[in-house]
Amino acid sequence: MEIVAALTVALLITVIIYLLGRLLAPTPPKSRDKLESYACGERFPPARGPVRLLFFNFAALFMVFDVLALFLAFTINIPAIYKQGLIAIILVYSVVLGLSIHLLGRR
């Protein structure tokens, strides 16, 4: 019960500090330049700019690493009966990981 009271008091103090900060902070005037898109000192038209897919590739590679690490983390103390299936799953994910790294390395 003491933990709930402490968390409630901490939440209330946080909300009060946040609201005081919003009330006391100066608000800059809204201008047309503030609302326009801006990148590297150049003004872009409102249409979308080009999007590079390199970030998406690294995100997909991270997901493969993450799933492989999750499989390994949960298989430390499994019975010997399931070891063969687990080894097959790890091999498949290792092949997928190797292919992903190979494809990301190509330009």
C-alpha atoms as a PDB file:
ATOM      1  CA  MET A   1       0.000   0.000   0.000  1.00  0.00           C
ATOM      2  CA  GLU A   2       2.896   2.349   0.695  1.00  0.00           C
ATOM      3  CA  ILE A   3       4.238   1.803  -2.826  1.00  0.00           C
ATOM      4  CA  VAL A   4       0.927   2.860  -4.382  1.00  0.00           C
ATOM      5  CA  ALA A   5       0.856   6.015  -2.252  1.00  0.00           C
ATOM      6  CA  ALA A   6       4.479   6.839  -3.145  1.00  0.00           C
ATOM      7  CA  LEU A   7       3.815   6.352  -6.881  1.00  0.00           C
ATOM      8  CA  THR A   8       0.689   8.505  -6.680  1.00  0.00           C
ATOM      9  CA  VAL A   9       2.558  11.307  -4.911  1.00  0.00           C
ATOM     10  CA  ALA A  10       5.404  11.085  -7.457  1.00  0.00           C
ATOM     11  CA  LEU A  11       2.912  11.250 -10.338  1.00  0.00           C
ATOM     12  CA  LEU A  12       1.142  14.265  -8.817  1.00  0.00           C
ATOM     13  CA  ILE A  13       4.428  16.111  -8.282  1.00  0.00           C
ATOM     14  CA  THR A  14       5.461  15.374 -11.867  1.00  0.00           C
ATOM     15  CA  VAL A  15       2.142  16.666 -13.249  1.00  0.00           C
ATOM     16  CA  ILE A  16       2.325  19.808 -11.117  1.00  0.00           C
ATOM     17  CA  ILE A  17       5.883  20.558 -12.272  1.00  0.00           C
ATOM     18  CA  TYR A  18       4.869  19.972 -15.894  1.00  0.00           C
ATOM     19  CA  LEU A  19       1.852  22.281 -15.655  1.00  0.00           C
ATOM     20  CA  LEU A  20       3.891  24.988 -13.905  1.00  0.00           C
ATOM     21  CA  GLY A  21       6.487  24.774 -16.646  1.00  0.00           C
ATOM     22  CA  ARG A  22       3.833  25.217 -19.321  1.00  0.00           C
ATOM     23  CA  LEU A  23       2.336  28.210 -17.528  1.00  0.00           C
ATOM     24  CA  LEU A  24       5.640  29.970 -16.863  1.00  0.00           C
ATOM     25  CA  ALA A  25       7.425  29.264 -20.155  1.00  0.00           C
ATOM     26  CA  PRO A  26       7.342  32.034 -22.754  1.00  0.00           C
ATOM     27  CA  THR A  27       5.416  31.206 -25.902  1.00  0.00           C
ATOM     28  CA  PRO A  28       7.084  32.401 -29.096  1.00  0.00           C
ATOM     29  CA  PRO A  29       4.850  33.983 -31.737  1.00  0.00           C
ATOM     30  CA  LYS A  30       3.776  31.707 -34.547  1.00  0.00           C
ATOM     31  CA  SER A  31       5.230  32.786 -37.854  1.00  0.00           C
ATOM     32  CA  ARG A  32       4.998  31.481 -41.387  1.00  0.00           C
ATOM     33  CA  ASP A  33       8.661  30.485 -41.342  1.00  0.00           C
ATOM     34  CA  LYS A  34       8.185  28.413 -38.199  1.00  0.00           C
ATOM     35  CA  LEU A  35       5.509  26.271 -39.872  1.00  0.00           C
ATOM     36  CA  GLU A  36       7.395  25.648 -43.147  1.00  0.00           C
ATOM     37  CA  SER A  37       9.471  22.553 -43.828  1.00  0.00           C
ATOM     38  CA  TYR A  38      13.193  23.185 -43.524  1.00  0.00           C
ATOM     39  CA  ALA A  39      16.257  21.031 -44.077  1.00  0.00           C
ATOM     40  CA  CYS A  40      19.913  22.010 -44.297  1.00  0.00           C
ATOM     41  CA  GLY A  41      19.188  25.657 -45.041  1.00  0.00           C
ATOM     42  CA  GLU A  42      17.038  24.934 -48.084  1.00  0.00           C
ATOM     43  CA  ARG A  43      13.326  25.462 -48.365  1.00  0.00           C
ATOM     44  CA  PHE A  44      11.459  22.490 -49.764  1.00  0.00           C
ATOM     45  CA  PRO A  45       8.122  22.530 -51.523  1.00  0.00           C
ATOM     46  CA  PRO A  46       5.251  21.032 -49.520  1.00  0.00           C
ATOM     47  CA  ALA A  47       5.510  17.770 -51.477  1.00  0.00           C
ATOM     48  CA  ARG A  48       7.308  14.880 -49.823  1.00  0.00           C
ATOM     49  CA  GLY A  49      11.046  14.679 -50.111  1.00  0.00           C
ATOM     50  CA  PRO A  50      12.912  11.540 -51.130  1.00  0.00           C
ATOM     51  CA  VAL A  51      13.059   8.808 -48.511  1.00  0.00           C
ATOM     52  CA  ARG A  52      16.089   6.547 -48.285  1.00  0.00           C
ATOM     53  CA  LEU A  53      15.392   2.901 -47.653  1.00  0.00           C
ATOM     54  CA  LEU A  54      18.721   2.273 -45.946  1.00  0.00           C
ATOM     55  CA  PHE A  55      17.191   2.970 -42.534  1.00  0.00           C
ATOM     56  CA  PHE A  56      14.438   0.434 -43.250  1.00  0.00           C
ATOM     57  CA  ASN A  57      17.042  -2.183 -44.145  1.00  0.00           C
ATOM     58  CA  PHE A  58      18.870  -1.669 -40.871  1.00  0.00           C
ATOM     59  CA  ALA A  59      15.591  -1.812 -38.953  1.00  0.00           C
ATOM     60  CA  ALA A  60      14.743  -5.141 -40.606  1.00  0.00           C
ATOM     61  CA  LEU A  61      18.208  -6.450 -39.792  1.00  0.00           C
ATOM     62  CA  PHE A  62      17.752  -5.373 -36.180  1.00  0.00           C
ATOM     63  CA  MET A  63      14.483  -7.330 -36.037  1.00  0.00           C
ATOM     64  CA  VAL A  64      16.245 -10.478 -37.253  1.00  0.00           C
ATOM     65  CA  PHE A  65      18.954 -10.008 -34.596  1.00  0.00           C
ATOM     66  CA  ASP A  66      16.292  -9.387 -31.984  1.00  0.00           C
ATOM     67  CA  VAL A  67      14.308 -12.539 -32.776  1.00  0.00           C
ATOM     68  CA  LEU A  68      17.466 -14.642 -32.818  1.00  0.00           C
ATOM     69  CA  ALA A  69      18.546 -13.220 -29.456  1.00  0.00           C
ATOM     70  CA  LEU A  70      15.078 -13.882 -28.057  1.00  0.00           C
ATOM     71  CA  PHE A  71      15.226 -17.514 -29.177  1.00  0.00           C
ATOM     72  CA  LEU A  72      18.633 -17.924 -27.588  1.00  0.00           C
ATOM     73  CA  ALA A  73      17.571 -16.233 -24.351  1.00  0.00           C
ATOM     74  CA  PHE A  74      14.568 -18.489 -23.833  1.00  0.00           C
ATOM     75  CA  THR A  75      16.384 -21.717 -24.706  1.00  0.00           C
ATOM     76  CA  ILE A  76      18.992 -21.849 -21.993  1.00  0.00           C
ATOM     77  CA  ASN A  77      17.256 -24.474 -19.826  1.00  0.00           C
ATOM     78  CA  ILE A  78      14.952 -26.334 -22.207  1.00  0.00           C
ATOM     79  CA  PRO A  79      14.706 -30.146 -22.112  1.00  0.00           C
ATOM     80  CA  ALA A  80      16.936 -32.178 -24.449  1.00  0.00           C
ATOM     81  CA  ILE A  81      13.861 -33.389 -26.360  1.00  0.00           C
ATOM     82  CA  TYR A  82      13.421 -29.946 -27.969  1.00  0.00           C
ATOM     83  CA  LYS A  83      17.083 -29.255 -28.743  1.00  0.00           C
ATOM     84  CA  GLN A  84      16.951 -30.596 -32.335  1.00  0.00           C
ATOM     85  CA  GLY A  85      14.007 -28.421 -33.337  1.00  0.00           C
ATOM     86  CA  LEU A  86      15.599 -25.458 -31.674  1.00  0.00           C
ATOM     87  CA  ILE A  87      18.859 -26.002 -33.515  1.00  0.00           C
ATOM     88  CA  ALA A  88      16.909 -26.092 -36.793  1.00  0.00           C
ATOM     89  CA  ILE A  89      15.169 -22.801 -35.985  1.00  0.00           C
ATOM     90  CA  ILE A  90      18.460 -21.158 -35.029  1.00  0.00           C
ATOM     91  CA  LEU A  91      20.066 -22.368 -38.259  1.00  0.00           C
ATOM     92  CA  VAL A  92      17.207 -20.972 -40.351  1.00  0.00           C
ATOM     93  CA  TYR A  93      17.440 -17.612 -38.623  1.00  0.00           C
ATOM     94  CA  SER A  94      21.218 -17.637 -39.009  1.00  0.00           C
ATOM     95  CA  VAL A  95      20.841 -18.195 -42.755  1.00  0.00           C
ATOM     96  CA  VAL A  96      18.310 -15.357 -42.948  1.00  0.00           C
ATOM     97  CA  LEU A  97      20.685 -13.146 -40.980  1.00  0.00           C
ATOM     98  CA  GLY A  98      23.611 -14.024 -43.258  1.00  0.00           C
ATOM     99  CA  LEU A  99      21.557 -13.296 -46.382  1.00  0.00           C
ATOM    100  CA  SER A 100      20.354 -10.005 -44.909  1.00  0.00           C
ATOM    101  CA  ILE A 101      23.901  -8.888 -44.146  1.00  0.00           C
ATOM    102  CA  HIS A 102      25.013  -9.941 -47.628  1.00  0.00           C
ATOM    103  CA  LEU A 103      22.179  -8.032 -49.312  1.00  0.00           C
ATOM    104  CA  LEU A 104      22.772  -4.934 -47.185  1.00  0.00           C
ATOM    105  CA  GLY A 105      26.455  -4.987 -48.079  1.00  0.00           C
ATOM    106  CA  ARG A 106      25.734  -4.828 -51.812  1.00  0.00           C
ATOM    107  CA  ARG A 107      25.295  -1.440 -53.421  1.00  0.00           C
END
